[in-house]
């Protein structure tokens, strides 16, 4: 083994990632992930997966994602606050997509579902076009709910994290998780 070059594998697609050591790993040529170069990310992923077993049975994907967001926040690591915020909003988008699908089925217009989904830029209700379509399909004027302003503020925070690398603190992440929790309770309640 002496003299061999370290070749980490991408934890997302399994392909080898070039680099001399885990700290110097290059992005995966196949999926662009840097996960092979970040052993702490791999350990955190394993920890999340292990702890997820307790809340997976009978839970919906949005509930599981919100649980993961809470788990990340509970790690008391400021570097994970942004990730917790992103995961909380992902939970909301999954729930919205499910609501769209259910509405298309209830109205008997399932053939339109894929066409409409292709025309949208995601399922974030902070997007006016998506919110108007949601209200039309479901009859739910969600923007009238008491949590709406907090949800919109959180959605802008999430966009700043994803698009600009905004660093958020614990209080912001807690607000985002609270807004996502209220949002999900409304959608499923």
C-alpha atoms as a PDB file:
ATOM      1  CA  UNK A   1       0.000   0.000   0.000  1.00  0.00           C
ATOM      2  CA  UNK A   2       2.938   2.346   0.440  1.00  0.00           C
ATOM      3  CA  UNK A   3       3.167   4.883  -2.361  1.00  0.00           C
ATOM      4  CA  UNK A   4      -0.438   4.434  -3.475  1.00  0.00           C
ATOM      5  CA  UNK A   5      -2.532   7.518  -4.099  1.00  0.00           C
ATOM      6  CA  UNK A   6      -5.653   7.892  -1.962  1.00  0.00           C
ATOM      7  CA  UNK A   7      -8.764   7.564  -4.184  1.00  0.00           C
ATOM      8  CA  UNK A   8     -11.909   8.411  -2.262  1.00  0.00           C
ATOM      9  CA  UNK A   9     -15.222   7.364  -3.718  1.00  0.00           C
ATOM     10  CA  UNK A  10     -18.133   9.736  -4.124  1.00  0.00           C
ATOM     11  CA  UNK A  11     -20.697   9.011  -1.424  1.00  0.00           C
ATOM     12  CA  UNK A  12     -23.496   9.994  -3.801  1.00  0.00           C
ATOM     13  CA  UNK A  13     -22.706   8.049  -6.974  1.00  0.00           C
ATOM     14  CA  UNK A  14     -19.822   5.765  -5.910  1.00  0.00           C
ATOM     15  CA  UNK A  15     -17.391   6.867  -8.623  1.00  0.00           C
ATOM     16  CA  UNK A  16     -13.722   7.441  -7.649  1.00  0.00           C
ATOM     17  CA  UNK A  17     -12.808  11.056  -6.876  1.00  0.00           C
ATOM     18  CA  UNK A  18      -9.285  12.216  -7.652  1.00  0.00           C
ATOM     19  CA  UNK A  19      -7.011  13.877  -5.095  1.00  0.00           C
ATOM     20  CA  UNK A  20      -4.045  13.131  -2.907  1.00  0.00           C
ATOM     21  CA  UNK A  21      -5.992  13.032   0.377  1.00  0.00           C
ATOM     22  CA  UNK A  22      -9.536  13.525   1.647  1.00  0.00           C
ATOM     23  CA  UNK A  23      -8.776  17.207   2.246  1.00  0.00           C
ATOM     24  CA  UNK A  24      -7.679  17.650  -1.394  1.00  0.00           C
ATOM     25  CA  UNK A  25     -10.417  15.711  -3.164  1.00  0.00           C
ATOM     26  CA  UNK A  26     -11.709  17.133  -6.403  1.00  0.00           C
ATOM     27  CA  UNK A  27     -15.390  17.246  -7.396  1.00  0.00           C
ATOM     28  CA  UNK A  28     -16.812  14.023  -8.753  1.00  0.00           C
ATOM     29  CA  UNK A  29     -16.605  13.999 -12.555  1.00  0.00           C
ATOM     30  CA  UNK A  30     -19.978  12.270 -12.769  1.00  0.00           C
ATOM     31  CA  UNK A  31     -22.231  14.133 -10.323  1.00  0.00           C
ATOM     32  CA  UNK A  32     -20.076  17.135  -9.223  1.00  0.00           C
ATOM     33  CA  UNK A  33     -20.389  16.172  -5.548  1.00  0.00           C
ATOM     34  CA  UNK A  34     -17.511  16.997  -3.204  1.00  0.00           C
ATOM     35  CA  UNK A  35     -18.688  14.457  -0.646  1.00  0.00           C
ATOM     36  CA  UNK A  36     -15.721  12.139  -1.090  1.00  0.00           C
ATOM     37  CA  UNK A  37     -13.465  14.912   0.168  1.00  0.00           C
ATOM     38  CA  UNK A  38     -15.440  15.561   3.294  1.00  0.00           C
ATOM     39  CA  UNK A  39     -15.271  12.659   5.752  1.00  0.00           C
ATOM     40  CA  UNK A  40     -17.211  14.728   8.321  1.00  0.00           C
ATOM     41  CA  UNK A  41     -20.105  15.001   5.866  1.00  0.00           C
ATOM     42  CA  UNK A  42     -20.040  11.233   5.437  1.00  0.00           C
ATOM     43  CA  UNK A  43     -20.071  10.721   9.225  1.00  0.00           C
ATOM     44  CA  UNK A  44     -22.911  13.230   9.642  1.00  0.00           C
ATOM     45  CA  UNK A  45     -24.877  11.492   6.887  1.00  0.00           C
ATOM     46  CA  UNK A  46     -24.414   8.161   8.658  1.00  0.00           C
ATOM     47  CA  UNK A  47     -25.477   9.723  11.974  1.00  0.00           C
ATOM     48  CA  UNK A  48     -28.609  11.229  10.409  1.00  0.00           C
ATOM     49  CA  UNK A  49     -29.464   7.948   8.746  1.00  0.00           C
ATOM     50  CA  UNK A  50     -28.989   6.073  12.011  1.00  0.00           C
ATOM     51  CA  UNK A  51     -31.136   8.480  14.006  1.00  0.00           C
ATOM     52  CA  UNK A  52     -33.766   8.681  11.278  1.00  0.00           C
ATOM     53  CA  UNK A  53     -34.809   5.121  12.034  1.00  0.00           C
ATOM     54  CA  UNK A  54     -36.711   6.411  15.068  1.00  0.00           C
ATOM     55  CA  UNK A  55     -38.976   8.721  13.109  1.00  0.00           C
ATOM     56  CA  UNK A  56     -39.300   7.034   9.733  1.00  0.00           C
ATOM     57  CA  UNK A  57     -41.964   4.443  10.483  1.00  0.00           C
ATOM     58  CA  UNK A  58     -45.357   5.841   9.484  1.00  0.00           C
ATOM     59  CA  UNK A  59     -43.964   9.313   8.752  1.00  0.00           C
ATOM     60  CA  UNK A  60     -44.344  11.156   5.463  1.00  0.00           C
ATOM     61  CA  UNK A  61     -41.319  12.426   3.563  1.00  0.00           C
ATOM     62  CA  UNK A  62     -41.993  16.035   4.654  1.00  0.00           C
ATOM     63  CA  UNK A  63     -42.157  14.907   8.299  1.00  0.00           C
ATOM     64  CA  UNK A  64     -38.903  12.986   7.924  1.00  0.00           C
ATOM     65  CA  UNK A  65     -37.189  15.959   6.270  1.00  0.00           C
ATOM     66  CA  UNK A  66     -38.400  18.313   8.989  1.00  0.00           C
ATOM     67  CA  UNK A  67     -37.101  15.830  11.564  1.00  0.00           C
ATOM     68  CA  UNK A  68     -33.716  15.855   9.845  1.00  0.00           C
ATOM     69  CA  UNK A  69     -33.728  19.672   9.913  1.00  0.00           C
ATOM     70  CA  UNK A  70     -34.413  19.574  13.662  1.00  0.00           C
ATOM     71  CA  UNK A  71     -31.700  16.953  14.100  1.00  0.00           C
ATOM     72  CA  UNK A  72     -29.187  19.203  12.300  1.00  0.00           C
ATOM     73  CA  UNK A  73     -30.164  22.152  14.468  1.00  0.00           C
ATOM     74  CA  UNK A  74     -29.794  19.989  17.567  1.00  0.00           C
ATOM     75  CA  UNK A  75     -26.145  19.301  16.750  1.00  0.00           C
ATOM     76  CA  UNK A  76     -25.321  22.789  18.131  1.00  0.00           C
ATOM     77  CA  UNK A  77     -22.988  23.454  15.221  1.00  0.00           C
ATOM     78  CA  UNK A  78     -23.509  26.874  13.655  1.00  0.00           C
ATOM     79  CA  UNK A  79     -22.247  25.530  10.341  1.00  0.00           C
ATOM     80  CA  UNK A  80     -25.321  23.283  10.146  1.00  0.00           C
ATOM     81  CA  UNK A  81     -27.907  26.065  10.633  1.00  0.00           C
ATOM     82  CA  UNK A  82     -27.998  26.877   6.921  1.00  0.00           C
ATOM     83  CA  UNK A  83     -28.362  23.224   6.023  1.00  0.00           C
ATOM     84  CA  UNK A  84     -31.191  22.848   8.548  1.00  0.00           C
ATOM     85  CA  UNK A  85     -32.956  25.803   6.908  1.00  0.00           C
ATOM     86  CA  UNK A  86     -32.574  24.306   3.431  1.00  0.00           C
ATOM     87  CA  UNK A  87     -33.861  20.904   4.546  1.00  0.00           C
ATOM     88  CA  UNK A  88     -36.864  22.504   6.291  1.00  0.00           C
ATOM     89  CA  UNK A  89     -37.836  24.241   3.043  1.00  0.00           C
ATOM     90  CA  UNK A  90     -37.295  21.058   1.080  1.00  0.00           C
ATOM     91  CA  UNK A  91     -39.872  19.453   3.367  1.00  0.00           C
ATOM     92  CA  UNK A  92     -42.343  22.198   2.430  1.00  0.00           C
ATOM     93  CA  UNK A  93     -41.717  21.812  -1.287  1.00  0.00           C
ATOM     94  CA  UNK A  94     -42.229  18.048  -1.126  1.00  0.00           C
ATOM     95  CA  UNK A  95     -45.539  18.616   0.692  1.00  0.00           C
ATOM     96  CA  UNK A  96     -46.638  21.197  -1.890  1.00  0.00           C
ATOM     97  CA  UNK A  97     -45.817  18.858  -4.764  1.00  0.00           C
ATOM     98  CA  UNK A  98     -47.874  16.147  -3.038  1.00  0.00           C
ATOM     99  CA  UNK A  99     -50.758  18.626  -2.621  1.00  0.00           C
ATOM    100  CA  UNK A 100     -50.589  19.457  -6.326  1.00  0.00           C
ATOM    101  CA  UNK A 101     -50.662  15.784  -7.225  1.00  0.00           C
ATOM    102  CA  UNK A 102     -53.609  15.104  -4.903  1.00  0.00           C
ATOM    103  CA  UNK A 103     -55.495  18.096  -6.331  1.00  0.00           C
ATOM    104  CA  UNK A 104     -54.973  16.973  -9.914  1.00  0.00           C
ATOM    105  CA  UNK A 105     -56.288  13.528  -8.967  1.00  0.00           C
ATOM    106  CA  UNK A 106     -59.332  14.900  -7.083  1.00  0.00           C
ATOM    107  CA  UNK A 107     -60.228  17.091 -10.043  1.00  0.00           C
ATOM    108  CA  UNK A 108     -59.722  14.214 -12.502  1.00  0.00           C
ATOM    109  CA  UNK A 109     -57.060  16.088 -14.459  1.00  0.00           C
ATOM    110  CA  UNK A 110     -54.006  13.896 -13.805  1.00  0.00           C
ATOM    111  CA  UNK A 111     -52.856  14.160 -17.456  1.00  0.00           C
ATOM    112  CA  UNK A 112     -52.120  17.851 -16.828  1.00  0.00           C
ATOM    113  CA  UNK A 113     -49.899  17.168 -13.824  1.00  0.00           C
ATOM    114  CA  UNK A 114     -46.632  16.543 -15.694  1.00  0.00           C
ATOM    115  CA  UNK A 115     -47.214  19.412 -18.106  1.00  0.00           C
ATOM    116  CA  UNK A 116     -47.856  21.855 -15.277  1.00  0.00           C
ATOM    117  CA  UNK A 117     -44.902  20.550 -13.261  1.00  0.00           C
ATOM    118  CA  UNK A 118     -42.645  21.049 -16.286  1.00  0.00           C
ATOM    119  CA  UNK A 119     -43.857  24.654 -16.614  1.00  0.00           C
ATOM    120  CA  UNK A 120     -43.121  25.468 -12.972  1.00  0.00           C
ATOM    121  CA  UNK A 121     -39.748  26.318 -11.531  1.00  0.00           C
ATOM    122  CA  UNK A 122     -40.175  24.089  -8.483  1.00  0.00           C
ATOM    123  CA  UNK A 123     -42.851  23.911  -5.794  1.00  0.00           C
ATOM    124  CA  UNK A 124     -41.872  26.805  -3.547  1.00  0.00           C
ATOM    125  CA  UNK A 125     -45.039  28.666  -2.553  1.00  0.00           C
ATOM    126  CA  UNK A 126     -42.947  31.799  -1.968  1.00  0.00           C
ATOM    127  CA  UNK A 127     -42.972  32.014  -5.778  1.00  0.00           C
ATOM    128  CA  UNK A 128     -46.083  34.019  -6.751  1.00  0.00           C
ATOM    129  CA  UNK A 129     -46.838  31.897  -9.822  1.00  0.00           C
ATOM    130  CA  UNK A 130     -46.661  28.662  -7.821  1.00  0.00           C
ATOM    131  CA  UNK A 131     -48.711  30.152  -4.976  1.00  0.00           C
ATOM    132  CA  UNK A 132     -51.466  31.335  -7.345  1.00  0.00           C
ATOM    133  CA  UNK A 133     -51.647  27.924  -9.002  1.00  0.00           C
ATOM    134  CA  UNK A 134     -51.731  26.242  -5.580  1.00  0.00           C
ATOM    135  CA  UNK A 135     -54.607  28.493  -4.455  1.00  0.00           C
ATOM    136  CA  UNK A 136     -56.509  27.817  -7.698  1.00  0.00           C
ATOM    137  CA  UNK A 137     -56.079  24.054  -7.468  1.00  0.00           C
ATOM    138  CA  UNK A 138     -56.696  23.629  -3.751  1.00  0.00           C
ATOM    139  CA  UNK A 139     -58.923  26.576  -2.859  1.00  0.00           C
ATOM    140  CA  UNK A 140     -56.522  27.243   0.029  1.00  0.00           C
ATOM    141  CA  UNK A 141     -55.548  30.908   0.381  1.00  0.00           C
ATOM    142  CA  UNK A 142     -52.447  29.951   2.350  1.00  0.00           C
ATOM    143  CA  UNK A 143     -50.997  33.444   2.063  1.00  0.00           C
ATOM    144  CA  UNK A 144     -53.732  34.572   4.511  1.00  0.00           C
ATOM    145  CA  UNK A 145     -52.403  32.305   7.274  1.00  0.00           C
ATOM    146  CA  UNK A 146     -50.668  33.828  10.335  1.00  0.00           C
ATOM    147  CA  UNK A 147     -47.377  32.044   9.596  1.00  0.00           C
ATOM    148  CA  UNK A 148     -47.161  33.333   6.007  1.00  0.00           C
ATOM    149  CA  UNK A 149     -44.910  36.366   6.582  1.00  0.00           C
ATOM    150  CA  UNK A 150     -42.465  34.255   8.591  1.00  0.00           C
ATOM    151  CA  UNK A 151     -42.529  31.589   5.882  1.00  0.00           C
ATOM    152  CA  UNK A 152     -41.753  34.172   3.161  1.00  0.00           C
ATOM    153  CA  UNK A 153     -38.900  35.645   5.238  1.00  0.00           C
ATOM    154  CA  UNK A 154     -37.556  32.126   5.718  1.00  0.00           C
ATOM    155  CA  UNK A 155     -37.874  31.340   1.994  1.00  0.00           C
ATOM    156  CA  UNK A 156     -35.794  34.441   1.202  1.00  0.00           C
ATOM    157  CA  UNK A 157     -33.253  33.288   3.782  1.00  0.00           C
ATOM    158  CA  UNK A 158     -33.135  29.844   2.160  1.00  0.00           C
ATOM    159  CA  UNK A 159     -32.571  31.457  -1.252  1.00  0.00           C
ATOM    160  CA  UNK A 160     -29.722  33.535   0.190  1.00  0.00           C
ATOM    161  CA  UNK A 161     -28.104  30.414   1.618  1.00  0.00           C
ATOM    162  CA  UNK A 162     -28.377  28.461  -1.624  1.00  0.00           C
ATOM    163  CA  UNK A 163     -27.587  31.226  -4.128  1.00  0.00           C
ATOM    164  CA  UNK A 164     -25.167  33.469  -2.243  1.00  0.00           C
ATOM    165  CA  UNK A 165     -23.708  31.314   0.508  1.00  0.00           C
ATOM    166  CA  UNK A 166     -25.431  33.316   3.245  1.00  0.00           C
ATOM    167  CA  UNK A 167     -24.396  32.166   6.705  1.00  0.00           C
ATOM    168  CA  UNK A 168     -27.290  32.005   9.171  1.00  0.00           C
ATOM    169  CA  UNK A 169     -27.307  31.608  12.912  1.00  0.00           C
ATOM    170  CA  UNK A 170     -29.298  29.413  15.225  1.00  0.00           C
ATOM    171  CA  UNK A 171     -32.137  31.928  15.773  1.00  0.00           C
ATOM    172  CA  UNK A 172     -32.730  32.225  12.014  1.00  0.00           C
ATOM    173  CA  UNK A 173     -32.660  28.451  11.562  1.00  0.00           C
ATOM    174  CA  UNK A 174     -35.082  28.006  14.465  1.00  0.00           C
ATOM    175  CA  UNK A 175     -37.438  30.547  12.863  1.00  0.00           C
ATOM    176  CA  UNK A 176     -37.228  28.699   9.535  1.00  0.00           C
ATOM    177  CA  UNK A 177     -37.934  25.329  11.126  1.00  0.00           C
ATOM    178  CA  UNK A 178     -40.854  26.857  13.033  1.00  0.00           C
ATOM    179  CA  UNK A 179     -42.269  28.384   9.843  1.00  0.00           C
ATOM    180  CA  UNK A 180     -41.858  25.083   8.002  1.00  0.00           C
ATOM    181  CA  UNK A 181     -43.533  23.223  10.855  1.00  0.00           C
ATOM    182  CA  UNK A 182     -46.518  25.615  10.816  1.00  0.00           C
ATOM    183  CA  UNK A 183     -46.655  25.384   7.013  1.00  0.00           C
ATOM    184  CA  UNK A 184     -46.690  21.580   7.065  1.00  0.00           C
ATOM    185  CA  UNK A 185     -49.268  21.468   9.850  1.00  0.00           C
ATOM    186  CA  UNK A 186     -51.532  23.676   7.718  1.00  0.00           C
ATOM    187  CA  UNK A 187     -51.095  21.532   4.603  1.00  0.00           C
ATOM    188  CA  UNK A 188     -51.748  18.279   6.424  1.00  0.00           C
ATOM    189  CA  UNK A 189     -54.275  19.576   8.962  1.00  0.00           C
END
